[in-house]
Amino acid sequence: MTLAEITASALQRLHYGSDTQTVETYRDAFADYANRAIRKIAVRFKQNRKDTVQLSDTDTFNVNDLSRECIRITDVRANGSSIDFWQDIPGSGEFSCDTDADSVDVVYRFVPKPLENTIDVPELPGHLHDMIVYYVVACERAGGDPDTQKTSSVDFQLFNACLADIRPASRGETRSFKLNNY
């Protein structure tokens, strides 16, 4: 689903209409709500990506060098093999690597980039897109109108039920069942 489709579905569920003026009125707020939902889904889904980063002269890299916001680093590889890595100062975002390579592949859980334009599609599998609408509707209903606040809980419950059903992104490959850091 694109941001425009998420907005249209939410407006339909709210019975607000779908004329151009209505869409324009709610676009920014709905984009903000959708991005919050995507963040919650990403934390639960545990989707990974791999970026190659250049190491500094002291064999370090910073999470700011990654292309997406990093939730957790799951592996660092040099020359096709996992290497030892550690955070210099807890919370600093600076990681040291035990390698002589100039660059490393960092595998990390990430927050998808925010939806900004109407044609943007969430960086999540398609089967997770429909649940974003529940969160958008719930946030809108909870947003200050006393006549609709009580109905927001239903949509929050629908979103949370979908969120609870999400399975991690591993898709069942054999190596995803090994114990890490045990």
Protein backbone atom coordinates (compact mmCIF):
# COMPACT_ATOMS: atom_id res chain seq x y z
CA MET A 1 0.00 0.00 0.00
CA THR A 2 1.16 3.51 -0.70
CA LEU A 3 0.69 6.36 1.75
CA ALA A 4 -2.17 7.57 -0.47
CA GLU A 5 -3.87 4.15 -0.22
CA ILE A 6 -3.36 4.04 3.55
CA THR A 7 -4.89 7.52 3.83
CA ALA A 8 -7.85 6.58 1.60
CA SER A 9 -8.51 3.39 3.59
CA ALA A 10 -8.37 5.26 6.89
CA LEU A 11 -10.71 7.98 5.62
CA GLN A 12 -13.12 5.31 4.40
CA ARG A 13 -13.02 3.52 7.77
CA LEU A 14 -13.67 6.85 9.53
CA HIS A 15 -16.51 7.71 7.08
CA TYR A 16 -14.87 11.10 6.41
CA GLY A 17 -15.13 10.97 2.61
CA SER A 18 -12.36 10.89 0.06
CA ASP A 19 -12.59 14.20 -1.77
CA THR A 20 -9.37 16.08 -2.48
CA GLN A 21 -9.87 18.66 0.28
CA THR A 22 -10.44 15.96 2.92
CA VAL A 23 -7.36 14.02 1.80
CA GLU A 24 -5.26 17.22 1.93
CA THR A 25 -6.60 18.06 5.40
CA TYR A 26 -5.56 14.71 6.91
CA ARG A 27 -2.48 13.80 4.86
CA ASP A 28 0.22 15.10 7.22
CA ALA A 29 -1.41 13.79 10.40
CA PHE A 30 -2.10 10.40 8.82
CA ALA A 31 1.50 10.18 7.56
CA ASP A 32 2.72 10.82 11.11
CA TYR A 33 0.38 8.14 12.51
CA ALA A 34 1.40 5.68 9.77
CA ASN A 35 5.10 6.24 10.49
CA ARG A 36 4.51 5.54 14.20
CA ALA A 37 2.72 2.30 13.28
CA ILE A 38 5.55 1.29 10.94
CA ARG A 39 8.07 1.82 13.74
CA LYS A 40 6.06 -0.44 16.09
CA ILE A 41 5.74 -3.10 13.38
CA ALA A 42 9.47 -2.94 12.58
CA VAL A 43 10.42 -3.53 16.22
CA ARG A 44 8.18 -6.61 16.35
CA PHE A 45 9.00 -7.98 12.86
CA LYS A 46 12.79 -7.75 13.40
CA GLN A 47 13.58 -7.18 9.74
CA ASN A 48 17.28 -6.91 8.88
CA ARG A 49 19.28 -5.22 6.17
CA LYS A 50 22.96 -5.24 5.27
CA ASP A 51 25.03 -2.13 4.59
CA THR A 52 28.72 -1.91 3.77
CA VAL A 53 30.54 0.75 5.78
CA GLN A 54 34.10 2.02 5.66
CA LEU A 55 36.11 1.60 8.84
CA SER A 56 38.07 4.48 10.32
CA ASP A 57 41.83 4.32 10.91
CA THR A 58 41.09 2.82 14.33
CA ASP A 59 38.89 0.04 12.85
CA THR A 60 35.64 1.62 14.04
CA PHE A 61 32.34 2.62 12.48
CA ASN A 62 29.36 4.61 13.73
CA VAL A 63 25.72 3.57 13.41
CA ASN A 64 25.11 6.98 11.80
CA ASP A 65 27.05 5.61 8.80
CA LEU A 66 24.23 3.11 8.15
CA SER A 67 21.51 3.98 5.65
CA ARG A 68 18.62 3.44 8.09
CA GLU A 69 18.10 4.00 11.79
CA CYS A 70 19.64 1.06 13.62
CA ILE A 71 17.66 -0.78 16.28
CA ARG A 72 20.21 -3.53 16.87
CA ILE A 73 23.34 -4.85 15.14
CA THR A 74 23.01 -8.60 14.61
CA ASP A 75 26.24 -9.35 12.76
CA VAL A 76 29.37 -7.73 11.36
CA ARG A 77 31.19 -9.47 8.51
CA ALA A 78 34.54 -8.95 6.84
CA ASN A 79 35.61 -10.96 3.80
CA GLY A 80 32.46 -13.10 4.07
CA SER A 81 32.99 -14.20 7.70
CA SER A 82 31.53 -12.95 10.96
CA ILE A 83 33.97 -10.97 13.06
CA ASP A 84 34.11 -9.85 16.66
CA PHE A 85 32.71 -6.37 17.28
CA TRP A 86 31.97 -4.33 20.40
CA GLN A 87 30.67 -0.94 21.36
CA ASP A 88 33.45 1.33 22.63
CA ILE A 89 31.26 3.28 25.03
CA PRO A 90 27.77 1.90 25.76
CA GLY A 91 25.18 4.00 23.96
CA SER A 92 27.73 5.91 21.88
CA GLY A 93 26.98 4.27 18.54
CA GLU A 94 30.71 3.72 17.92
CA PHE A 95 31.68 0.10 17.28
CA SER A 96 35.17 -1.38 17.09
CA CYS A 97 35.88 -4.36 14.86
CA ASP A 98 38.50 -7.07 15.10
CA THR A 99 39.64 -7.02 11.46
CA ASP A 100 42.30 -5.72 9.11
CA ALA A 101 39.72 -5.05 6.35
CA ASP A 102 39.00 -1.50 5.17
CA SER A 103 35.22 -2.03 5.19
CA VAL A 104 32.70 -4.36 6.81
CA ASP A 105 29.18 -5.55 6.09
CA VAL A 106 26.89 -4.63 8.98
CA VAL A 107 23.71 -6.67 9.35
CA TYR A 108 21.22 -4.82 11.54
CA ARG A 109 17.59 -4.48 12.51
CA PHE A 110 16.33 -1.19 11.24
CA VAL A 111 13.51 1.30 11.30
CA PRO A 112 12.11 1.73 7.78
CA LYS A 113 12.49 5.16 6.27
CA PRO A 114 9.48 7.41 6.97
CA LEU A 115 6.64 7.78 4.51
CA GLU A 116 6.65 11.36 3.21
CA ASN A 117 5.13 11.34 -0.28
CA THR A 118 1.79 9.88 -1.33
CA ILE A 119 3.55 7.30 -3.53
CA ASP A 120 5.86 6.03 -0.75
CA VAL A 121 5.41 2.38 0.21
CA PRO A 122 6.39 1.11 3.70
CA GLU A 123 9.61 -0.91 3.77
CA LEU A 124 7.70 -3.85 5.20
CA PRO A 125 6.26 -6.95 3.54
CA GLY A 126 2.89 -6.30 1.91
CA HIS A 127 0.98 -8.57 4.29
CA LEU A 128 1.76 -6.12 7.12
CA HIS A 129 0.48 -2.99 5.38
CA ASP A 130 -3.24 -3.40 6.14
CA MET A 131 -2.71 -3.18 9.89
CA ILE A 132 -1.26 0.33 9.56
CA VAL A 133 -4.76 1.59 8.77
CA TYR A 134 -6.05 0.41 12.17
CA TYR A 135 -3.39 2.44 13.94
CA VAL A 136 -4.06 5.55 11.85
CA VAL A 137 -7.79 5.33 12.54
CA ALA A 138 -7.23 4.70 16.25
CA CYS A 139 -4.94 7.72 16.57
CA GLU A 140 -7.40 9.93 14.72
CA ARG A 141 -10.32 8.80 16.89
CA ALA A 142 -8.29 9.32 20.06
CA GLY A 143 -7.24 12.79 18.97
CA GLY A 144 -9.39 15.10 21.04
CA ASP A 145 -13.04 14.66 20.00
CA PRO A 146 -14.85 13.31 23.08
CA ASP A 147 -17.53 11.77 20.85
CA THR A 148 -15.02 9.50 19.08
CA GLN A 149 -12.41 8.83 21.76
CA LYS A 150 -14.24 5.81 23.14
CA THR A 151 -14.27 4.16 19.70
CA SER A 152 -10.49 4.40 19.30
CA SER A 153 -9.91 1.45 21.62
CA VAL A 154 -11.42 -0.98 19.08
CA ASP A 155 -8.94 0.04 16.40
CA PHE A 156 -6.03 -0.02 18.87
CA GLN A 157 -7.11 -3.55 19.84
CA LEU A 158 -7.26 -4.62 16.18
CA PHE A 159 -3.79 -3.17 15.57
CA ASN A 160 -2.35 -4.80 18.70
CA ALA A 161 -3.91 -8.17 17.80
CA CYS A 162 -2.26 -7.99 14.36
CA LEU A 163 0.99 -6.89 16.00
CA ALA A 164 0.91 -9.87 18.37
CA ASP A 165 0.48 -12.24 15.40
CA ILE A 166 3.60 -11.01 13.60
CA ARG A 167 6.35 -13.58 13.39
CA PRO A 168 9.99 -12.50 13.10
CA ALA A 169 11.37 -11.97 9.62
CA SER A 170 13.60 -15.07 9.60
CA ARG A 171 11.11 -16.96 7.42
CA GLY A 172 12.21 -20.24 9.00
CA GLU A 173 15.62 -20.86 7.46
CA THR A 174 17.64 -23.36 9.46
CA ARG A 175 20.34 -20.99 10.70
CA SER A 176 17.72 -18.71 12.25
CA PHE A 177 17.18 -21.32 14.96
CA LYS A 178 20.71 -21.18 16.37
CA LEU A 179 21.23 -19.55 19.74
CA ASN A 180 23.17 -16.30 19.61
CA ASN A 181 24.90 -14.74 22.61
CA TYR A 182 23.93 -17.59 24.88
